[in-house]
Amino acid sequence: LYATSDDHGQHPLFAIDVATGKVRTVVGEGSVGGYDLGKSR
């Protein structure tokens, strides 16, 4: 799953592993507004 959220003065895009709940930052610096997903992009 992908979602944005405020984080220490930034607004990154995060990826969340559905099975484990592990969260990683995909794009961190600045503010991510709208976004879209493809199969590999």
ModelCIF file with pLDDT and N, C-alpha, C, O atoms, coordinates in Angstrom:
data_MODEL
#
_entry.id   MODEL 
#
_entity.id                         1 
_entity.type                       polymer 
_entity.pdbx_number_of_molecules   1 
#
_entity_poly.entity_id                      1 
_entity_poly.type                           'polypeptide(L)' 
_entity_poly.nstd_linkage                   no 
_entity_poly.nstd_monomer                   no 
_entity_poly.pdbx_seq_one_letter_code       LYATSDDHGQHPLFAIDVATGKVRTVVGEGSVGGYDLGKSR 
_entity_poly.pdbx_seq_one_letter_code_can   LYATSDDHGQHPLFAIDVATGKVRTVVGEGSVGGYDLGKSR 
_entity_poly.pdbx_strand_id                 A 
#
loop_
_entity_poly_seq.entity_id 
_entity_poly_seq.num 
_entity_poly_seq.mon_id 
_entity_poly_seq.hetero 
1 1  LEU n 
1 2  TYR n 
1 3  ALA n 
1 4  THR n 
1 5  SER n 
1 6  ASP n 
1 7  ASP n 
1 8  HIS n 
1 9  GLY n 
1 10 GLN n 
1 11 HIS n 
1 12 PRO n 
1 13 LEU n 
1 14 PHE n 
1 15 ALA n 
1 16 ILE n 
1 17 ASP n 
1 18 VAL n 
1 19 ALA n 
1 20 THR n 
1 21 GLY n 
1 22 LYS n 
1 23 VAL n 
1 24 ARG n 
1 25 THR n 
1 26 VAL n 
1 27 VAL n 
1 28 GLY n 
1 29 GLU n 
1 30 GLY n 
1 31 SER n 
1 32 VAL n 
1 33 GLY n 
1 34 GLY n 
1 35 TYR n 
1 36 ASP n 
1 37 LEU n 
1 38 GLY n 
1 39 LYS n 
1 40 SER n 
1 41 ARG n 
#
_struct_asym.id          A 
_struct_asym.entity_id   1 
#
loop_
_ma_qa_metric.id 
_ma_qa_metric.mode 
_ma_qa_metric.name 
_ma_qa_metric.software_group_id 
_ma_qa_metric.type 
1 global pLDDT . pLDDT 
2 local  pLDDT . pLDDT 
#
_ma_qa_metric_global.metric_id      1 
_ma_qa_metric_global.metric_value   97.51 
_ma_qa_metric_global.model_id       1 
_ma_qa_metric_global.ordinal_id     1 
#
loop_
_ma_qa_metric_local.label_asym_id 
_ma_qa_metric_local.label_comp_id 
_ma_qa_metric_local.label_seq_id 
_ma_qa_metric_local.metric_id 
_ma_qa_metric_local.metric_value 
_ma_qa_metric_local.model_id 
_ma_qa_metric_local.ordinal_id 
A LEU 1  2 98.00 1 1  
A TYR 2  2 98.00 1 2  
A ALA 3  2 98.00 1 3  
A THR 4  2 98.00 1 4  
A SER 5  2 98.00 1 5  
A ASP 6  2 98.00 1 6  
A ASP 7  2 98.00 1 7  
A HIS 8  2 98.00 1 8  
A GLY 9  2 98.00 1 9  
A GLN 10 2 98.00 1 10 
A HIS 11 2 98.00 1 11 
A PRO 12 2 98.00 1 12 
A LEU 13 2 98.00 1 13 
A PHE 14 2 98.00 1 14 
A ALA 15 2 98.00 1 15 
A ILE 16 2 98.00 1 16 
A ASP 17 2 98.00 1 17 
A VAL 18 2 98.00 1 18 
A ALA 19 2 98.00 1 19 
A THR 20 2 98.00 1 20 
A GLY 21 2 98.00 1 21 
A LYS 22 2 98.00 1 22 
A VAL 23 2 98.00 1 23 
A ARG 24 2 98.00 1 24 
A THR 25 2 98.00 1 25 
A VAL 26 2 98.00 1 26 
A VAL 27 2 98.00 1 27 
A GLY 28 2 95.00 1 28 
A GLU 29 2 95.00 1 29 
A GLY 30 2 98.00 1 30 
A SER 31 2 98.00 1 31 
A VAL 32 2 98.00 1 32 
A GLY 33 2 97.00 1 33 
A GLY 34 2 96.00 1 34 
A TYR 35 2 98.00 1 35 
A ASP 36 2 98.00 1 36 
A LEU 37 2 97.00 1 37 
A GLY 38 2 96.00 1 38 
A LYS 39 2 94.00 1 39 
A SER 40 2 95.00 1 40 
A ARG 41 2 97.00 1 41 
#
loop_
_atom_site.group_PDB 
_atom_site.id 
_atom_site.type_symbol 
_atom_site.label_atom_id 
_atom_site.label_alt_id 
_atom_site.label_comp_id 
_atom_site.label_asym_id 
_atom_site.label_entity_id 
_atom_site.label_seq_id 
_atom_site.pdbx_PDB_ins_code 
_atom_site.Cartn_x 
_atom_site.Cartn_y 
_atom_site.Cartn_z 
_atom_site.occupancy 
_atom_site.B_iso_or_equiv 
_atom_site.pdbx_formal_charge 
_atom_site.auth_seq_id 
_atom_site.auth_comp_id 
_atom_site.auth_asym_id 
_atom_site.auth_atom_id 
_atom_site.pdbx_PDB_model_num 
ATOM 1   N N  . LEU A 1 1  ? 0.849  -1.182 0.000   1.00 98.00 ? 1  LEU A N  1 
ATOM 2   C CA . LEU A 1 1  ? 0.000  0.000  0.000   1.00 98.00 ? 1  LEU A CA 1 
ATOM 3   C C  . LEU A 1 1  ? 0.892  1.242  0.000   1.00 98.00 ? 1  LEU A C  1 
ATOM 4   O O  . LEU A 1 1  ? 2.001  1.227  0.534   1.00 98.00 ? 1  LEU A O  1 
ATOM 5   N N  . TYR A 1 2  ? 0.389  2.309  -0.604  1.00 98.00 ? 2  TYR A N  1 
ATOM 6   C CA . TYR A 1 2  ? 1.111  3.576  -0.640  1.00 98.00 ? 2  TYR A CA 1 
ATOM 7   C C  . TYR A 1 2  ? 0.241  4.661  -0.023  1.00 98.00 ? 2  TYR A C  1 
ATOM 8   O O  . TYR A 1 2  ? -0.976 4.686  -0.206  1.00 98.00 ? 2  TYR A O  1 
ATOM 9   N N  . ALA A 1 3  ? 0.897  5.562  0.717   1.00 98.00 ? 3  ALA A N  1 
ATOM 10  C CA . ALA A 1 3  ? 0.183  6.672  1.346   1.00 98.00 ? 3  ALA A CA 1 
ATOM 11  C C  . ALA A 1 3  ? 1.179  7.780  1.650   1.00 98.00 ? 3  ALA A C  1 
ATOM 12  O O  . ALA A 1 3  ? 2.365  7.520  1.853   1.00 98.00 ? 3  ALA A O  1 
ATOM 13  N N  . THR A 1 4  ? 0.695  9.007  1.681   1.00 98.00 ? 4  THR A N  1 
ATOM 14  C CA . THR A 1 4  ? 1.504  10.139 2.125   1.00 98.00 ? 4  THR A CA 1 
ATOM 15  C C  . THR A 1 4  ? 1.140  10.479 3.569   1.00 98.00 ? 4  THR A C  1 
ATOM 16  O O  . THR A 1 4  ? 0.069  10.118 4.055   1.00 98.00 ? 4  THR A O  1 
ATOM 17  N N  . SER A 1 5  ? 2.048  11.177 4.239   1.00 98.00 ? 5  SER A N  1 
ATOM 18  C CA . SER A 1 5  ? 1.780  11.629 5.605   1.00 98.00 ? 5  SER A CA 1 
ATOM 19  C C  . SER A 1 5  ? 2.808  12.682 5.987   1.00 98.00 ? 5  SER A C  1 
ATOM 20  O O  . SER A 1 5  ? 3.930  12.676 5.482   1.00 98.00 ? 5  SER A O  1 
ATOM 21  N N  . ASP A 1 6  ? 2.418  13.592 6.887   1.00 98.00 ? 6  ASP A N  1 
ATOM 22  C CA . ASP A 1 6  ? 3.386  14.538 7.439   1.00 98.00 ? 6  ASP A CA 1 
ATOM 23  C C  . ASP A 1 6  ? 4.413  13.789 8.269   1.00 98.00 ? 6  ASP A C  1 
ATOM 24  O O  . ASP A 1 6  ? 4.090  12.821 8.957   1.00 98.00 ? 6  ASP A O  1 
ATOM 25  N N  . ASP A 1 7  ? 5.673  14.256 8.194   1.00 98.00 ? 7  ASP A N  1 
ATOM 26  C CA . ASP A 1 7  ? 6.733  13.587 8.933   1.00 98.00 ? 7  ASP A CA 1 
ATOM 27  C C  . ASP A 1 7  ? 7.894  14.552 9.158   1.00 98.00 ? 7  ASP A C  1 
ATOM 28  O O  . ASP A 1 7  ? 8.696  14.794 8.256   1.00 98.00 ? 7  ASP A O  1 
ATOM 29  N N  . HIS A 1 8  ? 7.976  15.102 10.372  1.00 98.00 ? 8  HIS A N  1 
ATOM 30  C CA . HIS A 1 8  ? 9.089  15.969 10.782  1.00 98.00 ? 8  HIS A CA 1 
ATOM 31  C C  . HIS A 1 8  ? 9.360  17.075 9.765   1.00 98.00 ? 8  HIS A C  1 
ATOM 32  O O  . HIS A 1 8  ? 10.499 17.277 9.345   1.00 98.00 ? 8  HIS A O  1 
ATOM 33  N N  . GLY A 1 9  ? 8.309  17.785 9.374   1.00 98.00 ? 9  GLY A N  1 
ATOM 34  C CA . GLY A 1 9  ? 8.476  18.929 8.499   1.00 98.00 ? 9  GLY A CA 1 
ATOM 35  C C  . GLY A 1 9  ? 8.505  18.597 7.020   1.00 98.00 ? 9  GLY A C  1 
ATOM 36  O O  . GLY A 1 9  ? 8.617  19.496 6.186   1.00 98.00 ? 9  GLY A O  1 
ATOM 37  N N  . GLN A 1 10 ? 8.409  17.326 6.682   1.00 98.00 ? 10 GLN A N  1 
ATOM 38  C CA . GLN A 1 10 ? 8.309  16.893 5.289   1.00 98.00 ? 10 GLN A CA 1 
ATOM 39  C C  . GLN A 1 10 ? 6.937  16.246 5.089   1.00 98.00 ? 10 GLN A C  1 
ATOM 40  O O  . GLN A 1 10 ? 6.211  15.999 6.052   1.00 98.00 ? 10 GLN A O  1 
ATOM 41  N N  . HIS A 1 11 ? 6.589  15.974 3.823   1.00 98.00 ? 11 HIS A N  1 
ATOM 42  C CA . HIS A 1 11 ? 5.350  15.251 3.520   1.00 98.00 ? 11 HIS A CA 1 
ATOM 43  C C  . HIS A 1 11 ? 5.694  14.165 2.499   1.00 98.00 ? 11 HIS A C  1 
ATOM 44  O O  . HIS A 1 11 ? 5.401  14.308 1.312   1.00 98.00 ? 11 HIS A O  1 
ATOM 45  N N  . PRO A 1 12 ? 6.319  13.075 2.970   1.00 98.00 ? 12 PRO A N  1 
ATOM 46  C CA . PRO A 1 12 ? 6.823  12.043 2.061   1.00 98.00 ? 12 PRO A CA 1 
ATOM 47  C C  . PRO A 1 12 ? 5.731  11.104 1.554   1.00 98.00 ? 12 PRO A C  1 
ATOM 48  O O  . PRO A 1 12 ? 4.589  11.128 2.013   1.00 98.00 ? 12 PRO A O  1 
ATOM 49  N N  . LEU A 1 13 ? 6.132  10.276 0.587   1.00 98.00 ? 13 LEU A N  1 
ATOM 50  C CA . LEU A 1 13 ? 5.346  9.137  0.142   1.00 98.00 ? 13 LEU A CA 1 
ATOM 51  C C  . LEU A 1 13 ? 5.934  7.889  0.787   1.00 98.00 ? 13 LEU A C  1 
ATOM 52  O O  . LEU A 1 13 ? 7.141  7.655  0.731   1.00 98.00 ? 13 LEU A O  1 
ATOM 53  N N  . PHE A 1 14 ? 5.058  7.088  1.402   1.00 98.00 ? 14 PHE A N  1 
ATOM 54  C CA . PHE A 1 14 ? 5.474  5.880  2.095   1.00 98.00 ? 14 PHE A CA 1 
ATOM 55  C C  . PHE A 1 14 ? 4.905  4.644  1.413   1.00 98.00 ? 14 PHE A C  1 
ATOM 56  O O  . PHE A 1 14 ? 3.856  4.701  0.772   1.00 98.00 ? 14 PHE A O  1 
ATOM 57  N N  . ALA A 1 15 ? 5.614  3.522  1.562   1.00 98.00 ? 15 ALA A N  1 
ATOM 58  C CA . ALA A 1 15 ? 5.129  2.217  1.131   1.00 98.00 ? 15 ALA A CA 1 
ATOM 59  C C  . ALA A 1 15 ? 4.961  1.345  2.370   1.00 98.00 ? 15 ALA A C  1 
ATOM 60  O O  . ALA A 1 15 ? 5.838  1.299  3.232   1.00 98.00 ? 15 ALA A O  1 
ATOM 61  N N  . ILE A 1 16 ? 3.831  0.658  2.450   1.00 98.00 ? 16 ILE A N  1 
ATOM 62  C CA . ILE A 1 16 ? 3.505  -0.157 3.621   1.00 98.00 ? 16 ILE A CA 1 
ATOM 63  C C  . ILE A 1 16 ? 3.318  -1.597 3.182   1.00 98.00 ? 16 ILE A C  1 
ATOM 64  O O  . ILE A 1 16 ? 2.457  -1.889 2.352   1.00 98.00 ? 16 ILE A O  1 
ATOM 65  N N  . ASP A 1 17 ? 4.108  -2.486 3.724   1.00 98.00 ? 17 ASP A N  1 
ATOM 66  C CA . ASP A 1 17 ? 3.993  -3.901 3.406   1.00 98.00 ? 17 ASP A CA 1 
ATOM 67  C C  . ASP A 1 17 ? 2.716  -4.454 4.027   1.00 98.00 ? 17 ASP A C  1 
ATOM 68  O O  . ASP A 1 17 ? 2.535  -4.381 5.243   1.00 98.00 ? 17 ASP A O  1 
ATOM 69  N N  . VAL A 1 18 ? 1.835  -5.003 3.207   1.00 98.00 ? 18 VAL A N  1 
ATOM 70  C CA . VAL A 1 18 ? 0.526  -5.452 3.673   1.00 98.00 ? 18 VAL A CA 1 
ATOM 71  C C  . VAL A 1 18 ? 0.650  -6.594 4.679   1.00 98.00 ? 18 VAL A C  1 
ATOM 72  O O  . VAL A 1 18 ? -0.120 -6.661 5.637   1.00 98.00 ? 18 VAL A O  1 
ATOM 73  N N  . ALA A 1 19 ? 1.595  -7.475 4.473   1.00 98.00 ? 19 ALA A N  1 
ATOM 74  C CA . ALA A 1 19 ? 1.715  -8.653 5.331   1.00 98.00 ? 19 ALA A CA 1 
ATOM 75  C C  . ALA A 1 19 ? 2.357  -8.333 6.675   1.00 98.00 ? 19 ALA A C  1 
ATOM 76  O O  . ALA A 1 19 ? 1.888  -8.805 7.711   1.00 98.00 ? 19 ALA A O  1 
ATOM 77  N N  . THR A 1 20 ? 3.421  -7.539 6.670   1.00 98.00 ? 20 THR A N  1 
ATOM 78  C CA . THR A 1 20 ? 4.188  -7.299 7.889   1.00 98.00 ? 20 THR A CA 1 
ATOM 79  C C  . THR A 1 20 ? 3.896  -5.964 8.553   1.00 98.00 ? 20 THR A C  1 
ATOM 80  O O  . THR A 1 20 ? 4.194  -5.788 9.734   1.00 98.00 ? 20 THR A O  1 
ATOM 81  N N  . GLY A 1 21 ? 3.315  -5.013 7.811   1.00 98.00 ? 21 GLY A N  1 
ATOM 82  C CA . GLY A 1 21 ? 3.099  -3.677 8.342   1.00 98.00 ? 21 GLY A CA 1 
ATOM 83  C C  . GLY A 1 21 ? 4.346  -2.819 8.336   1.00 98.00 ? 21 GLY A C  1 
ATOM 84  O O  . GLY A 1 21 ? 4.325  -1.703 8.855   1.00 98.00 ? 21 GLY A O  1 
ATOM 85  N N  . LYS A 1 22 ? 5.432  -3.312 7.760   1.00 98.00 ? 22 LYS A N  1 
ATOM 86  C CA . LYS A 1 22 ? 6.663  -2.545 7.709   1.00 98.00 ? 22 LYS A CA 1 
ATOM 87  C C  . LYS A 1 22 ? 6.484  -1.342 6.791   1.00 98.00 ? 22 LYS A C  1 
ATOM 88  O O  . LYS A 1 22 ? 5.929  -1.461 5.699   1.00 98.00 ? 22 LYS A O  1 
ATOM 89  N N  . VAL A 1 23 ? 6.956  -0.188 7.242   1.00 98.00 ? 23 VAL A N  1 
ATOM 90  C CA . VAL A 1 23 ? 6.800  1.062  6.494   1.00 98.00 ? 23 VAL A CA 1 
ATOM 91  C C  . VAL A 1 23 ? 8.172  1.554  6.057   1.00 98.00 ? 23 VAL A C  1 
ATOM 92  O O  . VAL A 1 23 ? 9.114  1.585  6.849   1.00 98.00 ? 23 VAL A O  1 
ATOM 93  N N  . ARG A 1 24 ? 8.275  1.934  4.804   1.00 98.00 ? 24 ARG A N  1 
ATOM 94  C CA . ARG A 1 24 ? 9.519  2.525  4.309   1.00 98.00 ? 24 ARG A CA 1 
ATOM 95  C C  . ARG A 1 24 ? 9.204  3.806  3.539   1.00 98.00 ? 24 ARG A C  1 
ATOM 96  O O  . ARG A 1 24 ? 8.134  3.946  2.948   1.00 98.00 ? 24 ARG A O  1 
ATOM 97  N N  . THR A 1 25 ? 10.147 4.726  3.558   1.00 98.00 ? 25 THR A N  1 
ATOM 98  C CA . THR A 1 25 ? 9.998  5.980  2.830   1.00 98.00 ? 25 THR A CA 1 
ATOM 99  C C  . THR A 1 25 ? 10.372 5.764  1.373   1.00 98.00 ? 25 THR A C  1 
ATOM 100 O O  . THR A 1 25 ? 11.449 5.251  1.070   1.00 98.00 ? 25 THR A O  1 
ATOM 101 N N  . VAL A 1 26 ? 9.482  6.157  0.474   1.00 98.00 ? 26 VAL A N  1 
ATOM 102 C CA . VAL A 1 26 ? 9.734  6.018  -0.963  1.00 98.00 ? 26 VAL A CA 1 
ATOM 103 C C  . VAL A 1 26 ? 10.356 7.299  -1.508  1.00 98.00 ? 26 VAL A C  1 
ATOM 104 O O  . VAL A 1 26 ? 11.408 7.261  -2.146  1.00 98.00 ? 26 VAL A O  1 
ATOM 105 N N  . VAL A 1 27 ? 9.707  8.428  -1.255  1.00 98.00 ? 27 VAL A N  1 
ATOM 106 C CA . VAL A 1 27 ? 10.245 9.742  -1.626  1.00 98.00 ? 27 VAL A CA 1 
ATOM 107 C C  . VAL A 1 27 ? 10.122 10.619 -0.394  1.00 98.00 ? 27 VAL A C  1 
ATOM 108 O O  . VAL A 1 27 ? 9.014  10.857 0.085   1.00 98.00 ? 27 VAL A O  1 
ATOM 109 N N  . GLY A 1 28 ? 11.245 11.104 0.128   1.00 95.00 ? 28 GLY A N  1 
ATOM 110 C CA . GLY A 1 28 ? 11.238 11.720 1.442   1.00 95.00 ? 28 GLY A CA 1 
ATOM 111 C C  . GLY A 1 28 ? 11.237 13.227 1.490   1.00 95.00 ? 28 GLY A C  1 
ATOM 112 O O  . GLY A 1 28 ? 10.384 13.817 2.153   1.00 95.00 ? 28 GLY A O  1 
ATOM 113 N N  . GLU A 1 29 ? 12.170 13.872 0.807   1.00 95.00 ? 29 GLU A N  1 
ATOM 114 C CA . GLU A 1 29 ? 12.342 15.316 0.935   1.00 95.00 ? 29 GLU A CA 1 
ATOM 115 C C  . GLU A 1 29 ? 11.234 16.071 0.220   1.00 95.00 ? 29 GLU A C  1 
ATOM 116 O O  . GLU A 1 29 ? 10.776 15.661 -0.847  1.00 95.00 ? 29 GLU A O  1 
ATOM 117 N N  . GLY A 1 30 ? 10.802 17.193 0.825   1.00 98.00 ? 30 GLY A N  1 
ATOM 118 C CA . GLY A 1 30 ? 9.769  18.020 0.221   1.00 98.00 ? 30 GLY A CA 1 
ATOM 119 C C  . GLY A 1 30 ? 8.385  17.492 0.518   1.00 98.00 ? 30 GLY A C  1 
ATOM 120 O O  . GLY A 1 30 ? 8.161  16.809 1.518   1.00 98.00 ? 30 GLY A O  1 
ATOM 121 N N  . SER A 1 31 ? 7.457  17.820 -0.369  1.00 98.00 ? 31 SER A N  1 
ATOM 122 C CA . SER A 1 31 ? 6.062  17.457 -0.174  1.00 98.00 ? 31 SER A CA 1 
ATOM 123 C C  . SER A 1 31 ? 5.543  16.747 -1.420  1.00 98.00 ? 31 SER A C  1 
ATOM 124 O O  . SER A 1 31 ? 5.562  17.306 -2.516  1.00 98.00 ? 31 SER A O  1 
ATOM 125 N N  . VAL A 1 32 ? 5.082  15.514 -1.243  1.00 98.00 ? 32 VAL A N  1 
ATOM 126 C CA . VAL A 1 32 ? 4.488  14.746 -2.336  1.00 98.00 ? 32 VAL A CA 1 
ATOM 127 C C  . VAL A 1 32 ? 2.987  14.988 -2.313  1.00 98.00 ? 32 VAL A C  1 
ATOM 128 O O  . VAL A 1 32 ? 2.325  14.720 -1.311  1.00 98.00 ? 32 VAL A O  1 
ATOM 129 N N  . GLY A 1 33 ? 2.451  15.494 -3.414  1.00 97.00 ? 33 GLY A N  1 
ATOM 130 C CA . GLY A 1 33 ? 1.015  15.721 -3.531  1.00 97.00 ? 33 GLY A CA 1 
ATOM 131 C C  . GLY A 1 33 ? 0.352  14.534 -4.184  1.00 97.00 ? 33 GLY A C  1 
ATOM 132 O O  . GLY A 1 33 ? 0.368  13.433 -3.633  1.00 97.00 ? 33 GLY A O  1 
ATOM 133 N N  . GLY A 1 34 ? -0.239 14.742 -5.367  1.00 96.00 ? 34 GLY A N  1 
ATOM 134 C CA . GLY A 1 34 ? -0.842 13.629 -6.077  1.00 96.00 ? 34 GLY A CA 1 
ATOM 135 C C  . GLY A 1 34 ? 0.205  12.660 -6.599  1.00 96.00 ? 34 GLY A C  1 
ATOM 136 O O  . GLY A 1 34 ? 1.342  13.045 -6.869  1.00 96.00 ? 34 GLY A O  1 
ATOM 137 N N  . TYR A 1 35 ? -0.187 11.404 -6.738  1.00 98.00 ? 35 TYR A N  1 
ATOM 138 C CA . TYR A 1 35 ? 0.718  10.400 -7.295  1.00 98.00 ? 35 TYR A CA 1 
ATOM 139 C C  . TYR A 1 35 ? -0.105 9.271  -7.896  1.00 98.00 ? 35 TYR A C  1 
ATOM 140 O O  . TYR A 1 35 ? -1.289 9.123  -7.591  1.00 98.00 ? 35 TYR A O  1 
ATOM 141 N N  . ASP A 1 36 ? 0.530  8.473  -8.756  1.00 98.00 ? 36 ASP A N  1 
ATOM 142 C CA . ASP A 1 36 ? -0.144 7.341  -9.377  1.00 98.00 ? 36 ASP A CA 1 
ATOM 143 C C  . ASP A 1 36 ? 0.847  6.202  -9.529  1.00 98.00 ? 36 ASP A C  1 
ATOM 144 O O  . ASP A 1 36 ? 2.053  6.419  -9.648  1.00 98.00 ? 36 ASP A O  1 
ATOM 145 N N  . LEU A 1 37 ? 0.320  4.988  -9.523  1.00 97.00 ? 37 LEU A N  1 
ATOM 146 C CA . LEU A 1 37 ? 1.139  3.785  -9.585  1.00 97.00 ? 37 LEU A CA 1 
ATOM 147 C C  . LEU A 1 37 ? 0.946  3.058  -10.897 1.00 97.00 ? 37 LEU A C  1 
ATOM 148 O O  . LEU A 1 37 ? -0.168 2.982  -11.414 1.00 97.00 ? 37 LEU A O  1 
ATOM 149 N N  . GLY A 1 38 ? 2.028  2.524  -11.438 1.00 96.00 ? 38 GLY A N  1 
ATOM 150 C CA . GLY A 1 38 ? 1.976  1.571  -12.529 1.00 96.00 ? 38 GLY A CA 1 
ATOM 151 C C  . GLY A 1 38 ? 2.524  0.245  -12.050 1.00 96.00 ? 38 GLY A C  1 
ATOM 152 O O  . GLY A 1 38 ? 2.770  0.059  -10.858 1.00 96.00 ? 38 GLY A O  1 
ATOM 153 N N  . LYS A 1 39 ? 2.714  -0.674 -12.975 1.00 94.00 ? 39 LYS A N  1 
ATOM 154 C CA . LYS A 1 39 ? 3.252  -1.980 -12.595 1.00 94.00 ? 39 LYS A CA 1 
ATOM 155 C C  . LYS A 1 39 ? 4.702  -1.882 -12.144 1.00 94.00 ? 39 LYS A C  1 
ATOM 156 O O  . LYS A 1 39 ? 5.152  -2.678 -11.319 1.00 94.00 ? 39 LYS A O  1 
ATOM 157 N N  . SER A 1 40 ? 5.433  -0.914 -12.679 1.00 95.00 ? 40 SER A N  1 
ATOM 158 C CA . SER A 1 40 ? 6.850  -0.799 -12.323 1.00 95.00 ? 40 SER A CA 1 
ATOM 159 C C  . SER A 1 40 ? 7.297  0.643  -12.153 1.00 95.00 ? 40 SER A C  1 
ATOM 160 O O  . SER A 1 40 ? 8.490  0.905  -11.998 1.00 95.00 ? 40 SER A O  1 
ATOM 161 N N  . ARG A 1 41 ? 6.365  1.577  -12.179 1.00 97.00 ? 41 ARG A N  1 
ATOM 162 C CA . ARG A 1 41 ? 6.751  2.992  -12.175 1.00 97.00 ? 41 ARG A CA 1 
ATOM 163 C C  . ARG A 1 41 ? 5.821  3.813  -11.300 1.00 97.00 ? 41 ARG A C  1 
ATOM 164 O O  . ARG A 1 41 ? 5.996  5.025  -11.179 1.00 97.00 ? 41 ARG A O  1 
#
